[in-house]
Structure formats: C-alpha cells, structure tokens
Amino acid sequence: MDLGLKGKVVVISGAAGMKGSIGETMLRALANEGAFPAIIDRNDRGFGYVEELQGQGIDASFFQTDATDPDQIKKAVEGIVEKYGRIDVVINNVGVNDGVGLDASYEEFMDSLKLNLVSYFLLVKYALPELKKSKGNILNIGSKVALTGQGATSGYAAAKGGVLGLTREWAVDLIKYGIRCNAIIIAESWTPAYDSWIKTLDNGEEKLKSIVKKIPLENRMTEPQEIADTCLFTISEKSSHTTGQFIYVDGGYVHLDRSLLTEF
C-alpha cells in the first residue's frame, strides 16, 4: 500500500538507537516509503544512519541534539526548516525507562520528566508554526506503564502519563488548524534495550518466559516492525480522520481478559 508519505518531511526524535530499536526501525520504514526523515537524537549513531540512507538516495538528515536542552531542540528544528523548508509530521519517540523511583532524588525525577515528557512539548512547540502551514500531524510514542504502572519507575510512569494527557490536549487545541495528534502505546516489544535488561537479571530466561506467557495474542513479544507499520499508517492520509486516539500495538496485553491466559 502506498501511504502517500513520499517527500514528506518527518521529524523523528530518538531514532538513533541501536539497530532493531523502535526508533531505528521507524526510521528505516519512513525511508522505505520515500519520506525525508529528520532525526533528532543525542547519539552519534545518527550520523552513520544518515550516511547510509543518503548512499541509497534518501534525503535523510541528522541533528545531534540533547533532548533535555530547550535551546538545542529549537536549533535542531530551525536547521530542519532551513534544509527542507517545511515540516509535515513530528514523531516524538524519546523514551528511557530509567528506573527513577521513589528512592530517587528530586533532581533525578525532574531529569526523567525533562527527557521523557518535556522534550515532547518542546519539539511540538518549536515545530508548530510549520505544522500549521502543512496541516501536518503529531504522533507520540507512549507506554503501557502510564496505564498499568510497573513499580520503581515513578519518573517514567509520570512522564508517559503526561504524554497521553498532551496527546488529547493537543488534539483538542490544534483541531482548528487541521492538525491531528495521536499516540501509539507499546507494551512488551523485543528490542536491543529489552534484551540488555533481561541479561542483567539472574533469572532472565525465566523472567522472559513469564512475561511472554502474559501476552494474549500468540504469546509473543510485539515486533518493532509491527509498531513501525502502525506508526506509518497513523501519520499517513490513510488515517486522515483519526485524532486524539491511543492506539495499542501490544497483542492485547493491556485490555484483554486475563482468563485468556488460563492454562488448561
């Protein structure tokens, strides 16, 4: 299916993660659709990704940015507008489940909010004049932690709850400009970061099996490509009358009846 994303300037934060991460997978998917991805990320892997994509004839760009620094985000957006002359879509994908719990300091809690929530606000704030011109749209990447809790991660949970609040607020606030805003909610997805976390546990294999058994649809993790496919559909004109929605790509993890998990 041609999603009509060819030539669209898509700003995506957090897309310079490790290969196989959700952001990197979305980056590849955007490139495959002919979009012009503009990466905002602090990791210098972004230079290599853009060089590779440009070698394939894709007009991608990377703006190395500390997402907790308002001035750097503003400068990155200005650079994108200078290069392309427009912004059609913003995908807020920054997210680190940093384990900032109730035992953390005030400073650590605030740093978690700055990265996982405030960066979303800043990127949309600075991109908004261009989104108004293009009647573009916003996609926020959320987490089931905002709805289910997790334990020992107050900063991330509060931030992801705020992301859902901003999604609905922006859908209302920007409807007069024809700007859509939605959120994708992810539960358990097999990424390099997830793999690294499992390997830190003494009982990692047992823990992984326990988690997978709790995912109703096919008892398996969500693939990053499945998330990327849903993201691309949601930002495309194929989803032109969808706004203010929380779209779950989670194999039924959050909502389906737990009786599905009963072993007979």
C-alpha atoms as a PDB file:
ATOM      1  CA  MET A   1       0.000   0.000   0.000  1.00  0.00           C
ATOM      2  CA  ASP A   2       1.291   3.440  -0.940  1.00  0.00           C
ATOM      3  CA  LEU A   3       0.802   5.517   2.197  1.00  0.00           C
ATOM      4  CA  GLY A   4       1.441   8.791   0.410  1.00  0.00           C
ATOM      5  CA  LEU A   5       4.447   9.676   2.559  1.00  0.00           C
ATOM      6  CA  LYS A   6       6.826  10.234  -0.336  1.00  0.00           C
ATOM      7  CA  GLY A   7       8.514  13.607   0.020  1.00  0.00           C
ATOM      8  CA  LYS A   8       7.014  14.277   3.451  1.00  0.00           C
ATOM      9  CA  VAL A   9       9.421  15.797   5.978  1.00  0.00           C
ATOM     10  CA  VAL A  10       9.081  13.701   9.119  1.00  0.00           C
ATOM     11  CA  VAL A  11      10.896  14.849  12.248  1.00  0.00           C
ATOM     12  CA  ILE A  12      11.558  11.867  14.481  1.00  0.00           C
ATOM     13  CA  SER A  13      13.227  12.092  17.869  1.00  0.00           C
ATOM     14  CA  GLY A  14      15.071   9.176  19.410  1.00  0.00           C
ATOM     15  CA  ALA A  15      15.690   7.461  16.058  1.00  0.00           C
ATOM     16  CA  ALA A  16      19.429   6.925  16.527  1.00  0.00           C
ATOM     17  CA  GLY A  17      19.017   3.985  18.869  1.00  0.00           C
ATOM     18  CA  MET A  18      20.673   0.643  18.309  1.00  0.00           C
ATOM     19  CA  LYS A  19      19.764  -1.325  15.205  1.00  0.00           C
ATOM     20  CA  GLY A  20      16.496  -3.091  15.886  1.00  0.00           C
ATOM     21  CA  SER A  21      15.252  -0.420  18.296  1.00  0.00           C
ATOM     22  CA  ILE A  22      11.794   1.021  17.723  1.00  0.00           C
ATOM     23  CA  GLY A  23      13.153   4.399  16.609  1.00  0.00           C
ATOM     24  CA  GLU A  24      15.688   2.926  14.195  1.00  0.00           C
ATOM     25  CA  THR A  25      13.053   0.583  12.778  1.00  0.00           C
ATOM     26  CA  MET A  26      10.682   3.511  12.222  1.00  0.00           C
ATOM     27  CA  LEU A  27      13.498   5.420  10.531  1.00  0.00           C
ATOM     28  CA  ARG A  28      14.012   2.578   8.017  1.00  0.00           C
ATOM     29  CA  ALA A  29      10.282   2.280   7.422  1.00  0.00           C
ATOM     30  CA  LEU A  30       9.979   6.010   6.714  1.00  0.00           C
ATOM     31  CA  ALA A  31      12.861   5.831   4.274  1.00  0.00           C
ATOM     32  CA  ASN A  32      11.288   2.870   2.507  1.00  0.00           C
ATOM     33  CA  GLU A  33       8.122   4.937   1.996  1.00  0.00           C
ATOM     34  CA  GLY A  34      10.093   7.755   0.406  1.00  0.00           C
ATOM     35  CA  ALA A  35       9.733  10.186   3.296  1.00  0.00           C
ATOM     36  CA  PHE A  36      12.524  12.581   4.258  1.00  0.00           C
ATOM     37  CA  PRO A  37      13.403  11.590   7.842  1.00  0.00           C
ATOM     38  CA  ALA A  38      14.981  14.271  10.022  1.00  0.00           C
ATOM     39  CA  ILE A  39      16.470  12.644  13.122  1.00  0.00           C
ATOM     40  CA  ILE A  40      16.809  14.435  16.442  1.00  0.00           C
ATOM     41  CA  ASP A  41      18.895  12.391  18.868  1.00  0.00           C
ATOM     42  CA  ARG A  42      21.951  12.784  21.064  1.00  0.00           C
ATOM     43  CA  ASN A  43      23.661   9.565  19.940  1.00  0.00           C
ATOM     44  CA  ASP A  44      26.172   9.972  17.135  1.00  0.00           C
ATOM     45  CA  ARG A  45      24.939   6.727  15.570  1.00  0.00           C
ATOM     46  CA  GLY A  46      22.625   9.085  13.719  1.00  0.00           C
ATOM     47  CA  PHE A  47      25.493  10.249  11.509  1.00  0.00           C
ATOM     48  CA  GLY A  48      26.113   6.707  10.327  1.00  0.00           C
ATOM     49  CA  TYR A  49      22.416   6.017   9.713  1.00  0.00           C
ATOM     50  CA  VAL A  50      22.025   9.162   7.625  1.00  0.00           C
ATOM     51  CA  GLU A  51      25.184   8.488   5.645  1.00  0.00           C
ATOM     52  CA  GLU A  52      23.862   5.005   4.843  1.00  0.00           C
ATOM     53  CA  LEU A  53      20.433   6.311   3.816  1.00  0.00           C
ATOM     54  CA  GLN A  54      21.904   9.110   1.723  1.00  0.00           C
ATOM     55  CA  GLY A  55      24.014   6.495  -0.045  1.00  0.00           C
ATOM     56  CA  GLN A  56      20.713   4.886  -1.057  1.00  0.00           C
ATOM     57  CA  GLY A  57      19.473   8.172  -2.493  1.00  0.00           C
ATOM     58  CA  ILE A  58      17.269   9.062   0.501  1.00  0.00           C
ATOM     59  CA  ASP A  59      17.278  12.677   1.659  1.00  0.00           C
ATOM     60  CA  ALA A  60      17.694  11.986   5.368  1.00  0.00           C
ATOM     61  CA  SER A  61      19.345  14.285   7.910  1.00  0.00           C
ATOM     62  CA  PHE A  62      20.623  14.130  11.463  1.00  0.00           C
ATOM     63  CA  PHE A  63      20.665  16.892  14.049  1.00  0.00           C
ATOM     64  CA  GLN A  64      22.627  15.770  17.094  1.00  0.00           C
ATOM     65  CA  THR A  65      20.611  17.099  19.996  1.00  0.00           C
ATOM     66  CA  ASP A  66      20.321  16.718  23.741  1.00  0.00           C
ATOM     67  CA  ALA A  67      16.549  16.355  24.077  1.00  0.00           C
ATOM     68  CA  THR A  68      16.663  17.789  27.607  1.00  0.00           C
ATOM     69  CA  ASP A  69      18.080  21.099  26.328  1.00  0.00           C
ATOM     70  CA  PRO A  70      15.423  23.533  25.012  1.00  0.00           C
ATOM     71  CA  ASP A  71      17.958  25.577  23.048  1.00  0.00           C
ATOM     72  CA  GLN A  72      19.314  22.517  21.256  1.00  0.00           C
ATOM     73  CA  ILE A  73      15.825  21.358  20.285  1.00  0.00           C
ATOM     74  CA  LYS A  74      14.981  24.827  18.986  1.00  0.00           C
ATOM     75  CA  LYS A  75      18.208  24.936  16.983  1.00  0.00           C
ATOM     76  CA  ALA A  76      17.542  21.464  15.523  1.00  0.00           C
ATOM     77  CA  VAL A  77      14.051  22.449  14.370  1.00  0.00           C
ATOM     78  CA  GLU A  78      15.428  25.633  12.817  1.00  0.00           C
ATOM     79  CA  GLY A  79      18.017  23.546  10.981  1.00  0.00           C
ATOM     80  CA  ILE A  80      15.339  21.206   9.642  1.00  0.00           C
ATOM     81  CA  VAL A  81      13.244  24.106   8.380  1.00  0.00           C
ATOM     82  CA  GLU A  82      16.299  25.721   6.799  1.00  0.00           C
ATOM     83  CA  LYS A  83      17.145  22.482   4.964  1.00  0.00           C
ATOM     84  CA  TYR A  84      13.691  21.371   3.838  1.00  0.00           C
ATOM     85  CA  GLY A  85      11.529  24.475   4.082  1.00  0.00           C
ATOM     86  CA  ARG A  86       8.725  22.592   5.807  1.00  0.00           C
ATOM     87  CA  ILE A  87       7.732  20.023   8.447  1.00  0.00           C
ATOM     88  CA  ASP A  88       4.862  17.632   7.762  1.00  0.00           C
ATOM     89  CA  VAL A  89       4.976  15.257  10.737  1.00  0.00           C
ATOM     90  CA  VAL A  90       6.509  15.146  14.209  1.00  0.00           C
ATOM     91  CA  ILE A  91       7.091  11.766  15.828  1.00  0.00           C
ATOM     92  CA  ASN A  92       8.050  12.050  19.489  1.00  0.00           C
ATOM     93  CA  ASN A  93       9.882   8.811  20.186  1.00  0.00           C
ATOM     94  CA  VAL A  94      12.299   9.663  23.004  1.00  0.00           C
ATOM     95  CA  GLY A  95      11.908   7.315  25.939  1.00  0.00           C
ATOM     96  CA  VAL A  96      14.135   5.758  28.595  1.00  0.00           C
ATOM     97  CA  ASN A  97      12.616   3.601  31.315  1.00  0.00           C
ATOM     98  CA  ASP A  98      15.240   4.869  33.710  1.00  0.00           C
ATOM     99  CA  GLY A  99      14.128   3.299  36.982  1.00  0.00           C
ATOM    100  CA  VAL A 100      13.782   6.649  38.757  1.00  0.00           C
ATOM    101  CA  GLY A 101      11.635   5.517  41.679  1.00  0.00           C
ATOM    102  CA  LEU A 102      10.548   6.951  44.985  1.00  0.00           C
ATOM    103  CA  ASP A 103      14.053   6.496  46.343  1.00  0.00           C
ATOM    104  CA  ALA A 104      15.446   8.858  43.695  1.00  0.00           C
ATOM    105  CA  SER A 105      16.360  12.468  44.292  1.00  0.00           C
ATOM    106  CA  TYR A 106      14.273  15.437  43.205  1.00  0.00           C
ATOM    107  CA  GLU A 107      16.875  16.210  40.550  1.00  0.00           C
ATOM    108  CA  GLU A 108      16.739  12.679  39.140  1.00  0.00           C
ATOM    109  CA  PHE A 109      12.946  12.773  38.985  1.00  0.00           C
ATOM    110  CA  MET A 110      12.968  16.120  37.180  1.00  0.00           C
ATOM    111  CA  ASP A 111      15.624  14.889  34.741  1.00  0.00           C
ATOM    112  CA  SER A 112      13.390  11.917  33.904  1.00  0.00           C
ATOM    113  CA  LEU A 113      10.465  14.237  33.196  1.00  0.00           C
ATOM    114  CA  LYS A 114      12.630  16.514  31.053  1.00  0.00           C
ATOM    115  CA  LEU A 115      13.736  13.647  28.841  1.00  0.00           C
ATOM    116  CA  ASN A 116      10.549  11.593  28.644  1.00  0.00           C
ATOM    117  CA  LEU A 117       7.891  14.335  28.654  1.00  0.00           C
ATOM    118  CA  VAL A 118       9.197  17.890  28.382  1.00  0.00           C
ATOM    119  CA  SER A 119      11.140  17.037  25.225  1.00  0.00           C
ATOM    120  CA  TYR A 120       7.799  16.145  23.571  1.00  0.00           C
ATOM    121  CA  PHE A 121       6.371  19.551  24.474  1.00  0.00           C
ATOM    122  CA  LEU A 122       9.436  21.405  23.219  1.00  0.00           C
ATOM    123  CA  LEU A 123       9.661  19.609  19.891  1.00  0.00           C
ATOM    124  CA  VAL A 124       5.999  20.261  19.110  1.00  0.00           C
ATOM    125  CA  LYS A 125       6.220  23.855  20.364  1.00  0.00           C
ATOM    126  CA  TYR A 126       9.072  24.726  18.003  1.00  0.00           C
ATOM    127  CA  ALA A 127       7.725  22.731  15.049  1.00  0.00           C
ATOM    128  CA  LEU A 128       4.181  24.074  15.395  1.00  0.00           C
ATOM    129  CA  PRO A 129       4.455  27.054  13.033  1.00  0.00           C
ATOM    130  CA  GLU A 130       5.451  24.662  10.230  1.00  0.00           C
ATOM    131  CA  LEU A 131       2.805  22.098  11.153  1.00  0.00           C
ATOM    132  CA  LYS A 132       0.165  24.826  10.895  1.00  0.00           C
ATOM    133  CA  LYS A 133       1.334  25.614   7.371  1.00  0.00           C
ATOM    134  CA  SER A 134       1.370  21.989   6.259  1.00  0.00           C
ATOM    135  CA  LYS A 135      -1.688  20.896   8.274  1.00  0.00           C
ATOM    136  CA  GLY A 136       0.579  18.136   9.442  1.00  0.00           C
ATOM    137  CA  ASN A 137       0.219  15.773  12.350  1.00  0.00           C
ATOM    138  CA  ILE A 138       1.854  14.623  15.564  1.00  0.00           C
ATOM    139  CA  LEU A 139       2.461  11.099  16.800  1.00  0.00           C
ATOM    140  CA  ASN A 140       3.559  10.470  20.377  1.00  0.00           C
ATOM    141  CA  ILE A 141       5.085   7.146  21.360  1.00  0.00           C
ATOM    142  CA  GLY A 142       3.661   6.076  24.702  1.00  0.00           C
ATOM    143  CA  SER A 143       3.931   3.127  27.043  1.00  0.00           C
ATOM    144  CA  LYS A 144       1.595   0.787  28.890  1.00  0.00           C
ATOM    145  CA  VAL A 145       3.412   1.873  32.063  1.00  0.00           C
ATOM    146  CA  ALA A 146       1.274   5.042  32.008  1.00  0.00           C
ATOM    147  CA  LEU A 147      -1.813   2.867  32.434  1.00  0.00           C
ATOM    148  CA  THR A 148      -0.691  -0.226  34.324  1.00  0.00           C
ATOM    149  CA  GLY A 149       2.189   1.042  36.436  1.00  0.00           C
ATOM    150  CA  GLN A 150       5.338  -1.002  36.742  1.00  0.00           C
ATOM    151  CA  GLY A 151       6.969  -0.315  40.079  1.00  0.00           C
ATOM    152  CA  ALA A 152      10.217   1.514  40.846  1.00  0.00           C
ATOM    153  CA  THR A 153       9.941   3.887  37.883  1.00  0.00           C
ATOM    154  CA  SER A 154       7.982   6.931  39.072  1.00  0.00           C
ATOM    155  CA  GLY A 155       9.667   9.343  36.676  1.00  0.00           C
ATOM    156  CA  TYR A 156       8.992   7.312  33.547  1.00  0.00           C
ATOM    157  CA  ALA A 157       5.438   6.442  34.601  1.00  0.00           C
ATOM    158  CA  ALA A 158       4.610  10.079  35.335  1.00  0.00           C
ATOM    159  CA  ALA A 159       6.160  11.206  32.062  1.00  0.00           C
ATOM    160  CA  LYS A 160       4.328   8.640  29.964  1.00  0.00           C
ATOM    161  CA  GLY A 161       1.072   9.525  31.699  1.00  0.00           C
ATOM    162  CA  GLY A 162       1.782  13.121  30.759  1.00  0.00           C
ATOM    163  CA  VAL A 163       2.403  12.091  27.143  1.00  0.00           C
ATOM    164  CA  LEU A 164      -1.120  10.685  26.956  1.00  0.00           C
ATOM    165  CA  GLY A 165      -2.504  13.854  28.510  1.00  0.00           C
ATOM    166  CA  LEU A 166      -0.659  16.003  25.976  1.00  0.00           C
ATOM    167  CA  THR A 167      -1.909  13.825  23.126  1.00  0.00           C
ATOM    168  CA  ARG A 168      -5.540  14.564  23.975  1.00  0.00           C
ATOM    169  CA  GLU A 169      -4.833  18.199  24.813  1.00  0.00           C
ATOM    170  CA  TRP A 170      -3.054  18.828  21.520  1.00  0.00           C
ATOM    171  CA  ALA A 171      -5.769  17.005  19.551  1.00  0.00           C
ATOM    172  CA  VAL A 172      -8.262  19.494  21.018  1.00  0.00           C
ATOM    173  CA  ASP A 173      -6.012  22.551  20.899  1.00  0.00           C
ATOM    174  CA  LEU A 174      -4.863  22.075  17.304  1.00  0.00           C
ATOM    175  CA  ILE A 175      -8.039  20.827  15.676  1.00  0.00           C
ATOM    176  CA  LYS A 176      -8.777  24.343  14.437  1.00  0.00           C
ATOM    177  CA  TYR A 177      -5.629  24.124  12.323  1.00  0.00           C
ATOM    178  CA  GLY A 178      -6.478  20.706  10.903  1.00  0.00           C
ATOM    179  CA  ILE A 179      -3.591  19.147  12.839  1.00  0.00           C
ATOM    180  CA  ARG A 180      -4.120  15.607  14.077  1.00  0.00           C
ATOM    181  CA  CYS A 181      -2.428  14.189  17.183  1.00  0.00           C
ATOM    182  CA  ASN A 182      -2.364  10.536  18.258  1.00  0.00           C
ATOM    183  CA  ALA A 183      -0.365   8.209  20.470  1.00  0.00           C
ATOM    184  CA  ILE A 184       0.908   4.681  19.964  1.00  0.00           C
ATOM    185  CA  ILE A 185       1.016   2.651  23.166  1.00  0.00           C
ATOM    186  CA  ILE A 186       3.568  -0.121  23.407  1.00  0.00           C
ATOM    187  CA  ALA A 187       3.714  -2.895  25.971  1.00  0.00           C
ATOM    188  CA  GLU A 188       6.298  -5.654  25.554  1.00  0.00           C
ATOM    189  CA  SER A 189       8.462  -5.327  22.434  1.00  0.00           C
ATOM    190  CA  TRP A 190      11.685  -7.187  21.792  1.00  0.00           C
ATOM    191  CA  THR A 191      14.341  -4.519  21.302  1.00  0.00           C
ATOM    192  CA  PRO A 192      18.092  -4.353  21.998  1.00  0.00           C
ATOM    193  CA  ALA A 193      17.343  -2.427  25.208  1.00  0.00           C
ATOM    194  CA  TYR A 194      14.910  -5.123  26.342  1.00  0.00           C
ATOM    195  CA  ASP A 195      17.475  -7.805  25.564  1.00  0.00           C
ATOM    196  CA  SER A 196      20.101  -5.925  27.588  1.00  0.00           C
ATOM    197  CA  TRP A 197      17.710  -5.613  30.550  1.00  0.00           C
ATOM    198  CA  ILE A 198      16.886  -9.322  30.523  1.00  0.00           C
ATOM    199  CA  LYS A 199      20.590 -10.145  30.542  1.00  0.00           C
ATOM    200  CA  THR A 200      21.106  -8.127  33.739  1.00  0.00           C
ATOM    201  CA  LEU A 201      18.737 -10.424  35.654  1.00  0.00           C
ATOM    202  CA  ASP A 202      19.919 -13.545  37.446  1.00  0.00           C
ATOM    203  CA  ASN A 203      16.766 -15.340  36.313  1.00  0.00           C
ATOM    204  CA  GLY A 204      16.487 -13.571  32.962  1.00  0.00           C
ATOM    205  CA  GLU A 205      15.282 -16.510  30.890  1.00  0.00           C
ATOM    206  CA  GLU A 206      12.604 -17.414  33.427  1.00  0.00           C
ATOM    207  CA  LYS A 207      11.500 -13.788  33.672  1.00  0.00           C
ATOM    208  CA  LEU A 208      11.248 -13.534  29.889  1.00  0.00           C
ATOM    209  CA  LYS A 209       9.142 -16.687  29.640  1.00  0.00           C
ATOM    210  CA  SER A 210       6.841 -15.349  32.365  1.00  0.00           C
ATOM    211  CA  ILE A 211       6.351 -12.056  30.504  1.00  0.00           C
ATOM    212  CA  VAL A 212       5.729 -13.674  27.133  1.00  0.00           C
ATOM    213  CA  LYS A 213       3.111 -16.004  28.616  1.00  0.00           C
ATOM    214  CA  LYS A 214       1.110 -12.924  29.668  1.00  0.00           C
ATOM    215  CA  ILE A 215       0.793 -11.540  26.119  1.00  0.00           C
ATOM    216  CA  PRO A 216      -2.589 -12.884  24.917  1.00  0.00           C
ATOM    217  CA  LEU A 217      -2.091 -12.826  21.142  1.00  0.00           C
ATOM    218  CA  GLU A 218       0.231 -15.688  20.205  1.00  0.00           C
ATOM    219  CA  ASN A 219       2.164 -15.426  23.480  1.00  0.00           C
ATOM    220  CA  ARG A 220       4.933 -13.431  21.870  1.00  0.00           C
ATOM    221  CA  MET A 221       6.551 -10.029  22.005  1.00  0.00           C
ATOM    222  CA  THR A 222       5.465  -7.273  19.649  1.00  0.00           C
ATOM    223  CA  GLU A 223       7.996  -6.825  16.855  1.00  0.00           C
ATOM    224  CA  PRO A 224       9.400  -3.297  16.332  1.00  0.00           C
ATOM    225  CA  GLN A 225       8.409  -3.578  12.669  1.00  0.00           C
ATOM    226  CA  GLU A 226       4.768  -4.094  13.701  1.00  0.00           C
ATOM    227  CA  ILE A 227       4.963  -0.884  15.711  1.00  0.00           C
ATOM    228  CA  ALA A 228       6.616   0.983  12.841  1.00  0.00           C
ATOM    229  CA  ASP A 229       3.947  -0.184  10.392  1.00  0.00           C
ATOM    230  CA  THR A 230       1.180   1.107  12.663  1.00  0.00           C
ATOM    231  CA  CYS A 231       3.017   4.397  13.146  1.00  0.00           C
ATOM    232  CA  LEU A 232       3.359   4.971   9.417  1.00  0.00           C
ATOM    233  CA  PHE A 233      -0.302   4.218   8.785  1.00  0.00           C
ATOM    234  CA  THR A 234      -1.327   6.580  11.599  1.00  0.00           C
ATOM    235  CA  ILE A 235       0.707   9.537  10.299  1.00  0.00           C
ATOM    236  CA  SER A 236      -0.448   8.963   6.730  1.00  0.00           C
ATOM    237  CA  GLU A 237      -3.506  10.344   4.973  1.00  0.00           C
ATOM    238  CA  LYS A 238      -4.939   6.821   5.144  1.00  0.00           C
ATOM    239  CA  SER A 239      -5.667   7.804   8.765  1.00  0.00           C
ATOM    240  CA  SER A 240      -6.903  11.283   7.889  1.00  0.00           C
ATOM    241  CA  HIS A 241      -9.881  11.330  10.276  1.00  0.00           C
ATOM    242  CA  THR A 242      -8.133   9.842  13.302  1.00  0.00           C
ATOM    243  CA  THR A 243      -7.132  12.201  16.102  1.00  0.00           C
ATOM    244  CA  GLY A 244      -6.877  12.145  19.882  1.00  0.00           C
ATOM    245  CA  GLN A 245      -6.548   8.366  19.879  1.00  0.00           C
ATOM    246  CA  PHE A 246      -4.449   5.973  21.924  1.00  0.00           C
ATOM    247  CA  ILE A 247      -3.602   3.112  19.563  1.00  0.00           C
ATOM    248  CA  TYR A 248      -2.401  -0.042  21.278  1.00  0.00           C
ATOM    249  CA  VAL A 249       0.134  -2.241  19.496  1.00  0.00           C
ATOM    250  CA  ASP A 250       0.512  -4.772  22.269  1.00  0.00           C
ATOM    251  CA  GLY A 251      -1.005  -8.154  21.382  1.00  0.00           C
ATOM    252  CA  GLY A 252      -3.890  -7.426  23.753  1.00  0.00           C
ATOM    253  CA  TYR A 253      -1.584  -7.072  26.757  1.00  0.00           C
ATOM    254  CA  VAL A 254      -3.328  -4.106  28.382  1.00  0.00           C
ATOM    255  CA  HIS A 255      -7.011  -4.747  27.736  1.00  0.00           C
ATOM    256  CA  LEU A 256      -7.879  -8.352  27.081  1.00  0.00           C
ATOM    257  CA  ASP A 257      -9.426 -10.604  29.692  1.00  0.00           C
ATOM    258  CA  ARG A 258      -6.831 -12.368  31.839  1.00  0.00           C
ATOM    259  CA  SER A 259      -8.860 -15.561  31.500  1.00  0.00           C
ATOM    260  CA  LEU A 260      -7.224 -15.896  28.076  1.00  0.00           C
ATOM    261  CA  LEU A 261      -4.055 -16.721  29.936  1.00  0.00           C
ATOM    262  CA  THR A 262      -5.530 -19.647  31.846  1.00  0.00           C
ATOM    263  CA  GLU A 263      -3.723 -22.892  31.109  1.00  0.00           C
ATOM    264  CA  PHE A 264      -5.954 -25.885  30.512  1.00  0.00           C
END
